[in-house]
Amino acid sequence: MRLRKKARGPESWVIYQTVVKGEVTGPMGVCEQAEIDEMERLKPGGTFLIQAGILDEAVAERLARGKSGDPVPRVPKKVSNG
């Protein structure tokens, strides 16, 4: 007998941080809405939702990362004439 997988709608991504001893801590994480719902079910109050309803995982990752990982701007070296 095979178990059927539930039909899933469009994925929605969220950005969150963990809560430890009542303090929001650590780096931002990205997961599907269903995953954060499950995390909250297992440990209520264990996550702090930063942003929800993001339709693209890559966009969620960029938003969570912020400027971290962006290319470093190149600064031309000064040429001395002496």
Protein backbone atom coordinates (compact mmCIF):
# COMPACT_ATOMS: atom_id res chain seq x y z
CA MET A 1 0.00 0.00 0.00
CA ARG A 2 1.38 3.38 -1.00
CA LEU A 3 0.86 6.52 0.98
CA ARG A 4 -0.10 9.52 -1.05
CA LYS A 5 1.78 12.73 -0.64
CA LYS A 6 -0.39 15.72 0.08
CA ALA A 7 -0.76 18.05 -2.85
CA ARG A 8 1.19 21.19 -2.10
CA GLY A 9 0.39 24.65 -3.27
CA PRO A 10 2.97 27.17 -4.34
CA GLU A 11 5.95 27.35 -2.00
CA SER A 12 6.29 30.33 0.27
CA TRP A 13 9.60 31.09 1.96
CA VAL A 14 10.28 32.80 5.28
CA ILE A 15 13.24 34.42 7.02
CA TYR A 16 13.59 33.72 10.71
CA GLN A 17 15.95 33.70 13.69
CA THR A 18 16.02 31.34 16.62
CA VAL A 19 15.00 32.34 20.14
CA VAL A 20 17.15 31.09 23.02
CA LYS A 21 16.17 31.91 26.61
CA GLY A 22 13.83 34.61 25.32
CA GLU A 23 16.50 36.32 23.21
CA VAL A 24 16.49 36.45 19.41
CA THR A 25 19.94 35.20 18.50
CA GLY A 26 22.14 33.81 15.76
CA PRO A 27 22.14 34.32 12.02
CA MET A 28 18.98 34.56 9.96
CA GLY A 29 17.71 31.34 8.44
CA VAL A 30 15.52 30.62 5.44
CA CYS A 31 12.98 27.83 5.09
CA GLU A 32 9.59 27.04 3.61
CA GLN A 33 6.50 28.25 5.44
CA ALA A 34 5.48 24.65 6.19
CA GLU A 35 8.85 24.03 7.86
CA ILE A 36 8.58 27.03 10.18
CA ASP A 37 5.03 26.02 11.02
CA GLU A 38 6.34 22.59 12.05
CA MET A 39 9.21 24.12 14.07
CA GLU A 40 6.71 26.30 15.94
CA ARG A 41 4.44 23.32 16.53
CA LEU A 42 7.30 21.33 18.05
CA LYS A 43 8.79 24.22 20.04
CA PRO A 44 6.36 27.14 20.43
CA GLY A 45 8.19 30.45 20.66
CA GLY A 46 11.44 28.92 19.41
CA THR A 47 11.62 31.06 16.29
CA PHE A 48 11.24 34.76 15.52
CA LEU A 49 9.72 35.46 12.12
CA ILE A 50 11.52 38.23 10.25
CA GLN A 51 9.64 38.11 6.93
CA ALA A 52 7.10 35.73 5.38
CA GLY A 53 5.39 35.29 2.03
CA ILE A 54 8.53 35.35 -0.13
CA LEU A 55 7.79 33.48 -3.34
CA ASP A 56 11.36 32.73 -4.45
CA GLU A 57 13.99 30.91 -2.40
CA ALA A 58 16.88 32.82 -3.99
CA VAL A 59 15.24 36.14 -3.10
CA ALA A 60 14.74 34.95 0.49
CA GLU A 61 18.39 33.91 0.70
CA ARG A 62 19.57 37.31 -0.59
CA LEU A 63 17.30 39.18 1.83
CA ALA A 64 18.50 37.06 4.77
CA ARG A 65 22.15 37.48 3.79
CA GLY A 66 21.94 41.26 3.42
CA LYS A 67 25.22 42.68 2.18
CA SER A 68 27.22 39.69 3.42
CA GLY A 69 28.70 37.91 0.43
CA ASP A 70 28.46 40.90 -1.90
CA PRO A 71 31.57 41.54 -4.00
CA VAL A 72 34.04 43.93 -2.42
CA PRO A 73 34.28 47.15 -4.45
CA ARG A 74 37.66 47.65 -6.06
CA VAL A 75 39.52 50.78 -5.14
CA PRO A 76 42.12 52.00 -7.62
CA LYS A 77 45.63 52.28 -6.24
CA LYS A 78 47.09 55.76 -5.96
CA VAL A 79 50.02 56.36 -8.26
CA SER A 80 52.77 58.51 -6.87
CA ASN A 81 54.64 60.78 -9.23
CA GLY A 82 57.74 61.07 -7.24
